[in-house]
Amino acid sequence: MDEYLRAQPQDFLAVATPGAGKTTFALTLASWLLHHHVVQQVTVVAPTEHLKTQWAEAAARIGIRIDPEYSAGPVGRAYQGVAVTYAGVGVRPMLHRNRCEQRKTLVILDEIHHAGDSRSWGEACLEAFEPATRRLALTGTPFRSDTNPIPFVGYAEGRDGVRRSVADYTYGYGNALADGVVRPVIFLSYSGNMRWRTKAGDEVAARLGEPMTKDAISQAWRTALDPRGEWMPAVLRAADRRLNEVRRSIHDAGGLVIASDQDSARAYAKLLREITGEKATLVLSDDAGASGRIEEFRLSDDRWLVAVRMVSEGVDVPRLAVGVYATTISTPLFFAQAVGRFVRSRRRGETASVFLPTIPSLLGFAHELELERDHVLDKPKGKEEEDPYAEEAALLAEAERERDEPGAEEQLPFEALESDAVFDRVMYDGAEFGMQAHPGSEEEQDYLGIPGLLEPDQVQMLLQKRQARQIAHSRKKPDAEADLVELPAERRPVVSHKELMELRRELNSLVGAYSHQSGKPHGVIHTELRRVCGGPPTAEATPGQLEQRMRKVREWATRMR
């Protein structure tokens, strides 16, 4: 407020983490501008129909009357403004332009990155609101995965020649966490063995978190989320046990499962009914009935809400404290908005818990939660030429196009055969904790049973103690019982396919150097490494096995000097 009132700009972009209070700020500012006759009316542009109603209700609480049902014609005398969607503006931009030209207007563009969802929406917003007296843009995630420019957002070119969005004021998750405005988030990751049948009829088996191609990761991920397997029921049971623990201190805490599609959402709701004995609230589409069900859930103390996408952004249900990310959407924008549903704090000490599959991109997003991002308008110059993997990636893409239909790589036909779940690790504040454990085990319960009310530093201390206890218990086990990867999480990094290729190249480079030094052929050295270190051929070795062989080659080379 201070920054805005000092500058009095026509355009202002406020970037604030989900749960920080963007709506409160915008309506307080609208009230000030109306009171001082800077503007005569307000137009709120929101991404969804549900959010229009939410804005109108919030505005009414501070005495601003907003019509969320407006479609055309004059606004009723009882109202000081209207709430519309970006899609609605896209259909009738001149209607809103005429309103801005007739009366001095404040336009509030909620989650403005949506104005870049399509070129037509962006162009419609420019056409409709160019004459507005004031424009206030709000977002929790100003970055987009594409390069469509966002209307009324300023961009500045960096030293690398790339234009990035410039916010007038930024209040990130790190700031909000330090101020006690949002909850700390504990991420609980689950691995497991997956088996599926490809379009060609081949059966493939893989473990979540192990290095594999992009398509294999996608299909293993979809296999995990199949409600007919064992992975989803095990994770939902774990999430419900976590919710039980949270409800000890937050009696009305709720859980949200974010599903990929309607069929999966219905199946997850049925599983939750079997697990909990209570009916889950099911939200399948962005219609009036869905808004009513969300509102009923918000005001109740029901346990679980299952939704397809629409609850990922802007919907205010502060009692949501436990989440299951059961969708294959893997963009940083969607992930940040989804996690944003759980961080709204009502009292100090509340924690949020989000359950994830062990997918490298998701774990990366979880680690980067506190990073502030800007919307990048240009692709970095020379990226293709500088990328050492560009040629191989192009060859892989070409091979996939020959095997499958063009453009079908995200939806490869396949049949999920079976899956199981393994508790993998806990991520908190950029650090990893825990050792792999079976669902339902005491080791898993150690982490599911963390109290729901804790200060951020207490969370970290407790996680460290739980891991130390788990390691101590593990050392007492007979070797025959050590059937899982019994290493602390920080020593089990999830390695991407490209990182694995880099490890192989580094090993081959070291073997080449040692071959030149010793005079031994490459093949002889690789065979000796396998004999000494154990494990499969280099092409099938795990990251840990490759690193062990690299250490051994360096040791041999040092002895020869």
Protein backbone atom coordinates (compact mmCIF):
# COMPACT_ATOMS: atom_id res chain seq x y z
CA MET A 1 0.00 0.00 0.00
CA ASP A 2 2.76 2.41 0.95
CA GLU A 3 4.63 1.75 -2.29
CA TYR A 4 1.50 2.17 -4.41
CA LEU A 5 0.32 5.37 -2.71
CA ARG A 6 3.80 6.85 -3.03
CA ALA A 7 4.10 6.14 -6.76
CA GLN A 8 0.40 6.41 -7.81
CA PRO A 9 1.10 4.45 -11.02
CA GLN A 10 -1.37 3.57 -13.75
CA ASP A 11 0.00 -0.01 -13.77
CA PHE A 12 1.19 -1.94 -10.72
CA LEU A 13 2.23 -5.62 -10.58
CA ALA A 14 2.15 -7.21 -7.11
CA VAL A 15 3.69 -10.68 -6.88
CA ALA A 16 2.81 -12.42 -3.61
CA THR A 17 2.93 -16.07 -2.62
CA PRO A 18 -0.40 -17.93 -2.43
CA GLY A 19 -1.95 -17.29 0.98
CA ALA A 20 -0.19 -13.96 1.54
CA GLY A 21 -3.32 -11.80 1.17
CA LYS A 22 -3.43 -10.48 -2.42
CA THR A 23 -7.23 -10.15 -2.31
CA THR A 24 -7.15 -8.14 0.93
CA PHE A 25 -4.49 -5.80 -0.49
CA ALA A 26 -6.36 -5.27 -3.76
CA LEU A 27 -9.72 -4.54 -2.11
CA THR A 28 -8.16 -2.23 0.49
CA LEU A 29 -6.57 -0.31 -2.35
CA ALA A 30 -9.84 -0.28 -4.31
CA SER A 31 -11.62 1.15 -1.26
CA TRP A 32 -8.99 3.93 -0.97
CA LEU A 33 -9.19 4.83 -4.67
CA LEU A 34 -13.02 4.92 -4.59
CA HIS A 35 -13.06 6.98 -1.39
CA HIS A 36 -10.63 9.55 -2.84
CA HIS A 37 -12.53 9.67 -6.16
CA VAL A 38 -9.50 8.54 -8.14
CA VAL A 39 -11.80 5.95 -9.71
CA GLN A 40 -15.59 5.61 -9.91
CA GLN A 41 -15.96 1.87 -10.49
CA VAL A 42 -14.07 -1.42 -10.22
CA THR A 43 -13.72 -4.33 -12.65
CA VAL A 44 -12.26 -7.58 -11.31
CA VAL A 45 -10.98 -10.09 -13.90
CA ALA A 46 -10.53 -13.62 -12.49
CA PRO A 47 -9.51 -16.97 -14.04
CA THR A 48 -12.67 -18.93 -13.11
CA GLU A 49 -16.40 -18.53 -12.46
CA HIS A 50 -15.93 -19.66 -8.86
CA LEU A 51 -13.35 -16.95 -8.19
CA LYS A 52 -15.72 -14.24 -9.45
CA THR A 53 -18.12 -15.13 -6.63
CA GLN A 54 -15.26 -15.34 -4.14
CA TRP A 55 -14.11 -11.82 -5.08
CA ALA A 56 -17.65 -10.43 -4.78
CA GLU A 57 -18.08 -11.95 -1.31
CA ALA A 58 -14.70 -10.64 -0.14
CA ALA A 59 -15.50 -7.16 -1.50
CA ALA A 60 -18.87 -7.12 0.26
CA ARG A 61 -17.12 -7.66 3.60
CA ILE A 62 -15.39 -4.28 3.27
CA GLY A 63 -18.36 -2.46 1.77
CA ILE A 64 -17.68 -2.68 -1.98
CA ARG A 65 -20.60 -4.11 -3.95
CA ILE A 66 -19.42 -6.23 -6.92
CA ASP A 67 -21.78 -7.98 -9.37
CA PRO A 68 -20.35 -11.46 -10.14
CA GLU A 69 -23.20 -12.29 -12.56
CA TYR A 70 -22.65 -9.36 -14.95
CA SER A 71 -22.68 -10.27 -18.64
CA ALA A 72 -23.74 -7.19 -20.65
CA GLY A 73 -25.58 -3.86 -20.55
CA PRO A 74 -25.64 -1.27 -17.76
CA VAL A 75 -24.57 -2.29 -14.26
CA GLY A 76 -27.26 -2.15 -11.58
CA ARG A 77 -27.28 0.97 -9.42
CA ALA A 78 -26.63 -1.11 -6.32
CA TYR A 79 -23.18 -2.12 -7.57
CA GLN A 80 -19.84 -0.30 -7.67
CA GLY A 81 -18.28 -2.78 -10.07
CA VAL A 82 -18.35 -6.16 -11.76
CA ALA A 83 -16.41 -9.42 -11.69
CA VAL A 84 -15.75 -11.20 -14.99
CA THR A 85 -13.48 -13.97 -16.29
CA TYR A 86 -10.60 -13.70 -18.77
CA ALA A 87 -12.66 -15.87 -21.12
CA GLY A 88 -15.58 -13.44 -20.80
CA VAL A 89 -13.34 -10.49 -21.65
CA GLY A 90 -12.05 -12.46 -24.63
CA VAL A 91 -15.60 -12.81 -25.98
CA ARG A 92 -16.64 -9.13 -25.56
CA PRO A 93 -13.61 -6.84 -25.18
CA MET A 94 -15.39 -3.75 -26.59
CA LEU A 95 -18.12 -4.00 -23.93
CA HIS A 96 -15.49 -3.58 -21.19
CA ARG A 97 -13.59 -0.92 -23.13
CA ASN A 98 -16.75 1.18 -23.38
CA ARG A 99 -17.28 0.86 -19.62
CA CYS A 100 -13.70 2.03 -18.97
CA GLU A 101 -14.15 4.99 -21.32
CA GLN A 102 -17.45 6.08 -19.74
CA ARG A 103 -16.29 6.09 -16.11
CA LYS A 104 -12.91 6.16 -14.37
CA THR A 105 -12.16 2.50 -13.70
CA LEU A 106 -9.82 0.44 -11.53
CA VAL A 107 -9.19 -2.92 -13.19
CA ILE A 108 -7.95 -5.70 -10.86
CA LEU A 109 -6.36 -8.48 -12.96
CA ASP A 110 -6.26 -11.50 -10.65
CA GLU A 111 -3.63 -14.16 -11.47
CA ILE A 112 -2.71 -12.10 -14.52
CA HIS A 113 -0.49 -14.81 -15.98
CA HIS A 114 -3.76 -16.30 -17.28
CA ALA A 115 -4.03 -13.39 -19.69
CA GLY A 116 -1.18 -15.11 -21.54
CA ASP A 117 -3.05 -18.43 -21.78
CA SER A 118 -3.94 -17.60 -25.37
CA ARG A 119 -2.97 -14.77 -27.66
CA SER A 120 -6.65 -13.83 -28.10
CA TRP A 121 -7.12 -13.39 -24.32
CA GLY A 122 -4.04 -11.19 -24.09
CA GLU A 123 -5.11 -9.08 -27.04
CA ALA A 124 -8.66 -8.80 -25.65
CA CYS A 125 -7.33 -7.59 -22.27
CA LEU A 126 -5.19 -4.97 -23.99
CA GLU A 127 -8.13 -3.79 -26.08
CA ALA A 128 -10.62 -3.80 -23.20
CA PHE A 129 -8.56 -2.16 -20.46
CA GLU A 130 -6.15 0.13 -22.29
CA PRO A 131 -8.36 3.20 -21.36
CA ALA A 132 -8.59 2.20 -17.65
CA THR A 133 -7.57 4.86 -15.15
CA ARG A 134 -5.72 2.35 -12.95
CA ARG A 135 -4.71 -1.31 -13.47
CA LEU A 136 -3.63 -3.55 -10.60
CA ALA A 137 -2.13 -6.90 -11.64
CA LEU A 138 -1.86 -9.70 -9.07
CA THR A 139 -0.18 -13.08 -9.23
CA GLY A 140 1.38 -15.69 -7.01
CA THR A 141 3.32 -17.17 -9.92
CA PRO A 142 4.33 -14.59 -12.57
CA PHE A 143 6.26 -17.14 -14.60
CA ARG A 144 4.76 -19.13 -17.46
CA SER A 145 6.03 -22.18 -19.31
CA ASP A 146 5.57 -20.43 -22.66
CA THR A 147 6.78 -17.09 -24.02
CA ASN A 148 3.42 -15.38 -24.57
CA PRO A 149 3.73 -11.80 -23.24
CA ILE A 150 1.41 -10.91 -20.35
CA PRO A 151 -0.60 -7.68 -20.86
CA PHE A 152 0.26 -4.64 -18.72
CA VAL A 153 3.38 -6.35 -17.33
CA GLY A 154 6.74 -4.64 -17.78
CA TYR A 155 9.75 -6.60 -19.04
CA ALA A 156 13.44 -5.75 -18.66
CA GLU A 157 16.28 -7.25 -20.68
CA GLY A 158 19.07 -8.84 -18.63
CA ARG A 159 22.74 -9.12 -19.48
CA ASP A 160 22.03 -12.45 -21.17
CA GLY A 161 19.70 -10.74 -23.64
CA VAL A 162 16.62 -12.38 -22.11
CA ARG A 163 13.60 -10.24 -21.16
CA ARG A 164 12.03 -11.04 -17.78
CA SER A 165 8.96 -9.69 -16.03
CA VAL A 166 9.51 -6.87 -13.52
CA ALA A 167 7.28 -6.72 -10.42
CA ASP A 168 6.59 -3.44 -8.60
CA TYR A 169 6.38 -5.31 -5.30
CA THR A 170 7.28 -8.90 -4.39
CA TYR A 171 6.41 -10.82 -1.25
CA GLY A 172 7.69 -14.37 -1.61
CA TYR A 173 7.05 -17.61 0.27
CA GLY A 174 10.30 -17.17 2.22
CA ASN A 175 9.22 -13.72 3.45
CA ALA A 176 5.73 -14.95 4.33
CA LEU A 177 7.11 -17.99 6.17
CA ALA A 178 9.43 -15.80 8.24
CA ASP A 179 6.47 -13.54 9.12
CA GLY A 180 4.27 -16.48 10.13
CA VAL A 181 1.80 -15.63 7.34
CA VAL A 182 2.00 -19.05 5.62
CA ARG A 183 2.58 -22.59 6.80
CA PRO A 184 5.83 -24.49 6.36
CA VAL A 185 5.35 -27.34 3.86
CA ILE A 186 6.54 -30.89 4.49
CA PHE A 187 6.77 -32.95 1.27
CA LEU A 188 6.48 -36.73 1.66
CA SER A 189 7.70 -38.63 -1.39
CA TYR A 190 6.75 -42.22 -2.30
CA SER A 191 8.65 -44.51 -4.67
CA GLY A 192 7.74 -48.07 -5.68
CA ASN A 193 7.90 -50.69 -8.42
CA MET A 194 5.77 -50.13 -11.54
CA ARG A 195 4.90 -52.52 -14.35
CA TRP A 196 3.01 -51.64 -17.53
CA ARG A 197 2.43 -52.84 -21.11
CA THR A 198 3.42 -50.57 -24.01
CA LYS A 199 1.57 -50.07 -27.26
CA ALA A 200 3.89 -52.59 -28.90
CA GLY A 201 2.82 -55.20 -26.34
CA ASP A 202 6.10 -55.15 -24.41
CA GLU A 203 5.97 -55.35 -20.63
CA VAL A 204 8.16 -52.79 -18.87
CA ALA A 205 9.11 -52.67 -15.19
CA ALA A 206 10.74 -49.71 -13.45
CA ARG A 207 11.09 -48.13 -10.04
CA LEU A 208 9.96 -44.54 -9.47
CA GLY A 209 12.99 -42.32 -8.96
CA GLU A 210 15.42 -44.45 -10.93
CA PRO A 211 17.01 -42.89 -14.03
CA MET A 212 14.94 -43.46 -17.17
CA THR A 213 13.84 -41.69 -20.33
CA LYS A 214 11.22 -38.96 -20.29
CA ASP A 215 8.59 -41.27 -21.79
CA ALA A 216 9.39 -44.06 -19.30
CA ILE A 217 9.06 -41.59 -16.41
CA SER A 218 5.70 -40.45 -17.81
CA GLN A 219 4.39 -44.02 -18.11
CA ALA A 220 5.72 -45.13 -14.71
CA TRP A 221 4.09 -42.03 -13.21
CA ARG A 222 0.74 -42.83 -14.85
CA THR A 223 1.03 -46.43 -13.65
CA ALA A 224 1.53 -45.20 -10.07
CA LEU A 225 -1.58 -43.00 -10.28
CA ASP A 226 -3.76 -45.83 -11.63
CA PRO A 227 -6.40 -46.38 -8.90
CA ARG A 228 -6.48 -50.13 -9.66
CA GLY A 229 -2.85 -50.58 -8.54
CA GLU A 230 -1.44 -50.64 -5.01
CA TRP A 231 0.46 -47.32 -5.12
CA MET A 232 -2.50 -44.92 -4.88
CA PRO A 233 -4.37 -46.83 -2.12
CA ALA A 234 -1.14 -47.01 -0.05
CA VAL A 235 -0.44 -43.28 -0.48
CA LEU A 236 -4.05 -42.32 0.26
CA ARG A 237 -3.94 -44.44 3.46
CA ALA A 238 -0.70 -42.72 4.48
CA ALA A 239 -2.16 -39.29 3.72
CA ASP A 240 -5.25 -40.09 5.78
CA ARG A 241 -3.06 -41.19 8.72
CA ARG A 242 -1.22 -37.89 8.39
CA LEU A 243 -4.55 -36.04 8.37
CA ASN A 244 -5.56 -37.88 11.56
CA GLU A 245 -2.40 -36.62 13.26
CA VAL A 246 -2.93 -33.04 12.06
CA ARG A 247 -6.56 -33.07 13.23
CA ARG A 248 -5.37 -33.77 16.79
CA SER A 249 -4.28 -30.12 16.96
CA ILE A 250 -6.29 -28.61 14.06
CA HIS A 251 -9.71 -30.24 14.54
CA ASP A 252 -11.20 -29.14 11.19
CA ALA A 253 -8.11 -29.79 9.02
CA GLY A 254 -9.02 -31.10 5.58
CA GLY A 255 -7.27 -32.96 2.79
CA LEU A 256 -7.28 -32.41 -0.98
CA VAL A 257 -6.46 -34.93 -3.74
CA ILE A 258 -5.66 -33.23 -7.06
CA ALA A 259 -6.52 -35.71 -9.82
CA SER A 260 -5.65 -35.76 -13.54
CA ASP A 261 -9.13 -36.53 -14.89
CA GLN A 262 -12.72 -37.15 -13.85
CA ASP A 263 -12.56 -40.96 -13.96
CA SER A 264 -9.51 -40.99 -11.69
CA ALA A 265 -11.13 -38.47 -9.35
CA ARG A 266 -14.21 -40.68 -8.94
CA ALA A 267 -12.03 -43.73 -8.31
CA TYR A 268 -9.94 -41.85 -5.69
CA ALA A 269 -13.11 -40.69 -3.94
CA LYS A 270 -14.30 -44.30 -3.81
CA LEU A 271 -10.94 -45.42 -2.35
CA LEU A 272 -11.14 -42.72 0.31
CA ARG A 273 -14.65 -43.87 1.22
CA GLU A 274 -13.29 -47.40 1.73
CA ILE A 275 -10.28 -46.15 3.73
CA THR A 276 -12.06 -43.61 5.96
CA GLY A 277 -15.66 -44.82 6.06
CA GLU A 278 -16.68 -41.25 5.14
CA LYS A 279 -17.80 -39.82 1.80
CA ALA A 280 -15.30 -37.50 0.08
CA THR A 281 -16.50 -34.28 -1.58
CA LEU A 282 -16.06 -34.63 -5.35
CA VAL A 283 -15.51 -31.58 -7.60
CA LEU A 284 -15.34 -32.42 -11.29
CA SER A 285 -15.85 -29.20 -13.24
CA ASP A 286 -15.93 -25.43 -13.00
CA ASP A 287 -19.71 -24.96 -12.88
CA ALA A 288 -22.14 -23.46 -10.39
CA GLY A 289 -22.65 -26.80 -8.68
CA ALA A 290 -18.91 -27.24 -8.23
CA SER A 291 -18.63 -23.82 -6.59
CA GLY A 292 -21.40 -24.77 -4.19
CA ARG A 293 -19.66 -28.03 -3.24
CA ILE A 294 -16.37 -26.22 -2.62
CA GLU A 295 -18.16 -23.68 -0.43
CA GLU A 296 -19.93 -26.44 1.53
CA PHE A 297 -16.59 -28.18 2.08
CA ARG A 298 -14.96 -24.91 3.17
CA LEU A 299 -17.59 -24.34 5.86
CA SER A 300 -17.72 -27.97 7.07
CA ASP A 301 -15.25 -30.14 8.94
CA ASP A 302 -15.38 -32.97 6.36
CA ARG A 303 -12.12 -34.81 5.82
CA TRP A 304 -11.43 -35.09 2.08
CA LEU A 305 -12.00 -33.12 -1.13
CA VAL A 306 -11.13 -34.70 -4.51
CA ALA A 307 -10.89 -32.35 -7.49
CA VAL A 308 -9.72 -32.17 -11.09
CA ARG A 309 -7.41 -29.20 -11.52
CA MET A 310 -9.86 -26.40 -10.68
CA VAL A 311 -8.99 -26.22 -6.98
CA SER A 312 -5.33 -25.76 -7.85
CA GLU A 313 -5.56 -22.00 -8.05
CA GLY A 314 -7.11 -19.14 -6.15
CA VAL A 315 -9.73 -21.17 -4.26
CA ASP A 316 -9.63 -20.17 -0.61
CA VAL A 317 -10.14 -23.15 1.73
CA PRO A 318 -7.73 -22.28 4.57
CA ARG A 319 -8.43 -25.51 6.49
CA LEU A 320 -6.75 -27.62 3.77
CA ALA A 321 -3.60 -28.95 5.44
CA VAL A 322 -2.85 -32.27 3.70
CA GLY A 323 -2.55 -32.75 -0.06
CA VAL A 324 -1.97 -35.60 -2.51
CA TYR A 325 -0.48 -34.56 -5.86
CA ALA A 326 -2.13 -37.26 -8.00
CA THR A 327 -1.81 -35.61 -11.40
CA THR A 328 0.80 -35.93 -14.15
CA ILE A 329 0.92 -32.17 -14.78
CA SER A 330 4.58 -31.28 -14.38
CA THR A 331 4.89 -27.52 -14.93
CA PRO A 332 6.37 -25.33 -12.17
CA LEU A 333 3.39 -22.97 -12.52
CA PHE A 334 0.77 -25.64 -11.79
CA PHE A 335 2.85 -27.21 -9.02
CA ALA A 336 3.32 -23.88 -7.23
CA GLN A 337 -0.38 -23.07 -7.49
CA ALA A 338 -1.34 -26.55 -6.27
CA VAL A 339 0.94 -26.31 -3.22
CA GLY A 340 -0.47 -22.83 -2.64
CA ARG A 341 -3.80 -24.43 -1.64
CA PHE A 342 -2.22 -25.76 1.57
CA VAL A 343 -0.08 -22.88 2.83
CA ARG A 344 -2.75 -20.44 4.04
CA SER A 345 -2.11 -20.07 7.77
CA ARG A 346 -4.81 -19.32 10.34
CA ARG A 347 -2.65 -19.47 13.45
CA ARG A 348 1.05 -19.71 14.06
CA GLY A 349 2.54 -23.20 14.15
CA GLU A 350 0.29 -24.89 11.57
CA THR A 351 2.13 -27.12 9.09
CA ALA A 352 1.13 -28.36 5.64
CA SER A 353 1.90 -31.84 4.26
CA VAL A 354 1.94 -32.71 0.55
CA PHE A 355 2.36 -36.29 -0.74
CA LEU A 356 4.21 -36.75 -4.04
CA PRO A 357 5.43 -39.56 -6.31
CA THR A 358 9.24 -39.72 -6.51
CA ILE A 359 9.48 -37.92 -9.85
CA PRO A 360 12.66 -35.84 -10.41
CA SER A 361 10.85 -32.74 -11.73
CA LEU A 362 8.41 -32.67 -8.79
CA LEU A 363 11.17 -33.10 -6.21
CA GLY A 364 13.01 -30.26 -7.94
CA PHE A 365 9.95 -28.01 -7.67
CA ALA A 366 9.58 -28.95 -3.99
CA HIS A 367 13.18 -27.96 -3.29
CA GLU A 368 12.70 -24.65 -5.13
CA LEU A 369 9.50 -23.63 -3.35
CA GLU A 370 11.11 -20.56 -1.82
CA LEU A 371 12.69 -19.34 -5.06
CA GLU A 372 11.11 -16.25 -6.61
CA ARG A 373 10.62 -16.60 -10.35
CA ASP A 374 9.95 -14.14 -13.14
CA HIS A 375 8.21 -14.70 -16.45
CA VAL A 376 10.86 -15.23 -19.14
CA LEU A 377 9.74 -13.72 -22.44
CA ASP A 378 12.62 -14.97 -24.60
CA LYS A 379 14.39 -18.27 -24.90
CA PRO A 380 18.08 -17.89 -23.91
CA LYS A 381 20.15 -17.07 -26.98
CA GLY A 382 22.21 -19.90 -28.37
CA LYS A 383 20.63 -22.45 -26.03
CA GLU A 384 20.40 -25.12 -28.72
CA GLU A 385 24.06 -24.74 -29.68
CA GLU A 386 25.29 -24.73 -26.08
CA ASP A 387 23.26 -27.72 -24.92
CA PRO A 388 25.61 -30.76 -24.99
CA TYR A 389 22.59 -33.07 -25.06
CA ALA A 390 20.70 -31.31 -27.86
CA GLU A 391 21.87 -33.73 -30.55
CA GLU A 392 21.01 -36.86 -28.54
CA ALA A 393 17.66 -35.37 -27.47
CA ALA A 394 16.82 -34.71 -31.13
CA LEU A 395 17.73 -38.30 -32.07
CA LEU A 396 15.61 -39.67 -29.23
CA ALA A 397 12.68 -37.50 -30.32
CA GLU A 398 13.08 -38.74 -33.89
CA ALA A 399 13.16 -42.37 -32.76
CA GLU A 400 10.04 -41.84 -30.67
CA ARG A 401 8.25 -40.24 -33.63
CA GLU A 402 9.00 -43.32 -35.73
CA ARG A 403 7.62 -45.64 -33.05
CA ASP A 404 4.55 -43.61 -32.10
CA GLU A 405 2.19 -41.13 -33.71
CA PRO A 406 3.40 -37.51 -33.95
CA GLY A 407 2.54 -35.45 -30.90
CA ALA A 408 1.40 -38.47 -28.91
CA GLU A 409 4.34 -38.60 -26.52
CA GLU A 410 2.32 -37.23 -23.58
CA GLN A 411 -0.48 -39.74 -24.07
CA LEU A 412 1.24 -42.92 -25.19
CA PRO A 413 -1.30 -45.78 -25.19
CA PHE A 414 -0.35 -48.19 -22.46
CA GLU A 415 -1.86 -50.51 -19.88
CA ALA A 416 -0.94 -50.22 -16.22
CA LEU A 417 -0.41 -53.76 -14.88
CA GLU A 418 0.67 -53.38 -11.26
CA SER A 419 2.28 -50.99 -8.80
CA ASP A 420 3.37 -50.89 -5.20
CA ALA A 421 4.42 -48.04 -2.91
CA VAL A 422 7.50 -47.45 -0.78
CA PHE A 423 7.94 -44.48 1.56
CA ASP A 424 10.96 -42.74 0.08
CA ARG A 425 11.91 -39.46 1.77
CA VAL A 426 10.73 -36.24 3.41
CA MET A 427 11.70 -32.85 2.01
CA TYR A 428 11.60 -29.71 4.10
CA ASP A 429 13.28 -26.33 3.70
CA GLY A 430 15.60 -27.57 0.94
CA ALA A 431 16.84 -30.60 2.96
CA GLU A 432 15.94 -34.30 2.74
CA PHE A 433 15.27 -36.73 5.57
CA GLY A 434 14.30 -40.36 6.09
CA MET A 435 15.21 -43.78 4.76
CA GLN A 436 13.07 -45.99 2.58
CA ALA A 437 10.37 -47.91 4.45
CA HIS A 438 7.36 -50.11 3.73
CA PRO A 439 3.88 -48.51 3.96
CA GLY A 440 2.39 -49.15 7.38
CA SER A 441 5.79 -49.65 9.03
CA GLU A 442 6.92 -47.96 12.24
CA GLU A 443 9.57 -46.11 10.21
CA GLU A 444 6.93 -44.55 7.97
CA GLN A 445 4.72 -43.71 10.96
CA ASP A 446 7.64 -41.81 12.51
CA TYR A 447 7.20 -39.18 9.79
CA LEU A 448 3.42 -39.37 9.38
CA GLY A 449 3.08 -38.80 13.12
CA ILE A 450 4.85 -35.43 13.25
CA PRO A 451 2.58 -33.03 15.22
CA GLY A 452 0.41 -30.67 13.17
CA LEU A 453 1.38 -27.62 15.24
CA LEU A 454 5.10 -26.81 15.18
CA GLU A 455 7.34 -23.81 14.61
CA PRO A 456 9.45 -24.04 11.39
CA ASP A 457 12.70 -24.64 13.31
CA GLN A 458 10.99 -27.33 15.41
CA VAL A 459 9.96 -29.16 12.21
CA GLN A 460 13.57 -29.39 11.07
CA MET A 461 14.84 -30.48 14.48
CA LEU A 462 12.18 -33.19 14.76
CA LEU A 463 12.90 -34.52 11.26
CA GLN A 464 16.61 -34.76 12.07
CA LYS A 465 15.83 -36.70 15.27
CA ARG A 466 13.46 -39.08 13.44
CA GLN A 467 16.08 -39.81 10.78
CA ALA A 468 18.80 -40.44 13.38
CA ARG A 469 16.47 -42.86 15.18
CA GLN A 470 15.61 -44.63 11.91
CA ILE A 471 19.31 -45.07 11.04
CA ALA A 472 20.02 -46.45 14.52
CA HIS A 473 17.18 -48.98 14.18
CA SER A 474 18.36 -49.96 10.71
CA ARG A 475 21.86 -50.82 11.95
CA LYS A 476 20.42 -53.33 14.41
CA LYS A 477 18.57 -55.28 11.70
CA PRO A 478 19.87 -58.58 10.35
CA ASP A 479 21.19 -58.30 6.78
CA ALA A 480 18.30 -60.45 5.56
CA GLU A 481 15.80 -57.75 6.56
CA ALA A 482 17.63 -54.92 4.81
CA ASP A 483 15.63 -55.26 1.60
CA LEU A 484 15.22 -51.54 0.94
CA VAL A 485 17.77 -48.88 0.02
CA GLU A 486 18.81 -48.14 3.57
CA LEU A 487 20.55 -44.82 3.02
CA PRO A 488 19.51 -41.41 4.35
CA ALA A 489 17.53 -39.41 1.77
CA GLU A 490 20.30 -36.87 1.15
CA ARG A 491 22.54 -39.73 -0.01
CA ARG A 492 19.90 -41.01 -2.45
CA PRO A 493 19.59 -38.19 -4.99
CA VAL A 494 17.04 -38.64 -7.74
CA VAL A 495 19.12 -38.48 -10.91
CA SER A 496 17.64 -37.40 -14.23
CA HIS A 497 18.31 -39.22 -17.49
CA LYS A 498 20.67 -36.45 -18.65
CA GLU A 499 22.56 -36.43 -15.35
CA LEU A 500 23.02 -40.21 -15.64
CA MET A 501 24.40 -39.76 -19.19
CA GLU A 502 26.84 -37.18 -17.82
CA LEU A 503 28.05 -39.64 -15.16
CA ARG A 504 28.65 -42.29 -17.84
CA ARG A 505 30.55 -39.80 -19.98
CA GLU A 506 32.67 -38.77 -17.01
CA LEU A 507 33.47 -42.41 -16.23
CA ASN A 508 34.38 -43.08 -19.86
CA SER A 509 36.59 -39.99 -19.86
CA LEU A 510 38.41 -41.19 -16.72
CA VAL A 511 38.81 -44.68 -18.20
CA GLY A 512 40.24 -43.12 -21.38
CA ALA A 513 42.75 -41.08 -19.40
CA TYR A 514 43.75 -44.12 -17.33
CA SER A 515 44.05 -46.21 -20.51
CA HIS A 516 46.49 -43.67 -21.93
CA GLN A 517 48.43 -43.68 -18.64
CA SER A 518 48.52 -47.47 -18.13
CA GLY A 519 48.47 -48.73 -21.69
CA LYS A 520 45.54 -51.06 -20.92
CA PRO A 521 42.58 -51.22 -23.39
CA HIS A 522 39.31 -49.52 -22.36
CA GLY A 523 37.39 -52.81 -22.29
CA VAL A 524 39.92 -54.42 -19.93
CA ILE A 525 39.64 -51.49 -17.51
CA HIS A 526 35.82 -51.59 -17.54
CA THR A 527 35.87 -55.36 -16.90
CA GLU A 528 38.30 -54.91 -14.00
CA LEU A 529 36.10 -52.15 -12.54
CA ARG A 530 33.08 -54.46 -12.65
CA ARG A 531 35.07 -57.25 -10.99
CA VAL A 532 36.35 -55.00 -8.18
CA CYS A 533 33.26 -52.85 -7.60
CA GLY A 534 30.52 -55.26 -8.62
CA GLY A 535 27.39 -54.39 -10.51
CA PRO A 536 26.16 -54.57 -14.12
CA PRO A 537 27.76 -53.14 -17.31
CA THR A 538 28.20 -49.36 -17.44
CA ALA A 539 25.05 -48.87 -19.55
CA GLU A 540 22.94 -50.46 -16.78
CA ALA A 541 24.81 -49.20 -13.71
CA THR A 542 23.12 -46.94 -11.14
CA PRO A 543 24.49 -43.47 -10.31
CA GLY A 544 26.03 -44.79 -7.08
CA GLN A 545 27.78 -47.65 -8.94
CA LEU A 546 29.14 -45.23 -11.57
CA GLU A 547 30.47 -42.90 -8.88
CA GLN A 548 32.10 -45.85 -7.06
CA ARG A 549 33.87 -46.87 -10.29
CA MET A 550 35.05 -43.29 -10.88
CA ARG A 551 36.55 -43.19 -7.40
CA LYS A 552 38.31 -46.51 -8.07
CA VAL A 553 39.80 -45.29 -11.40
CA ARG A 554 41.09 -42.14 -9.72
CA GLU A 555 42.62 -44.28 -6.97
CA TRP A 556 44.41 -46.46 -9.59
CA ALA A 557 45.65 -43.41 -11.48
CA THR A 558 47.00 -41.83 -8.27
CA ARG A 559 48.99 -45.00 -7.44
CA MET A 560 50.74 -44.91 -10.83
CA ARG A 561 52.07 -41.37 -10.40
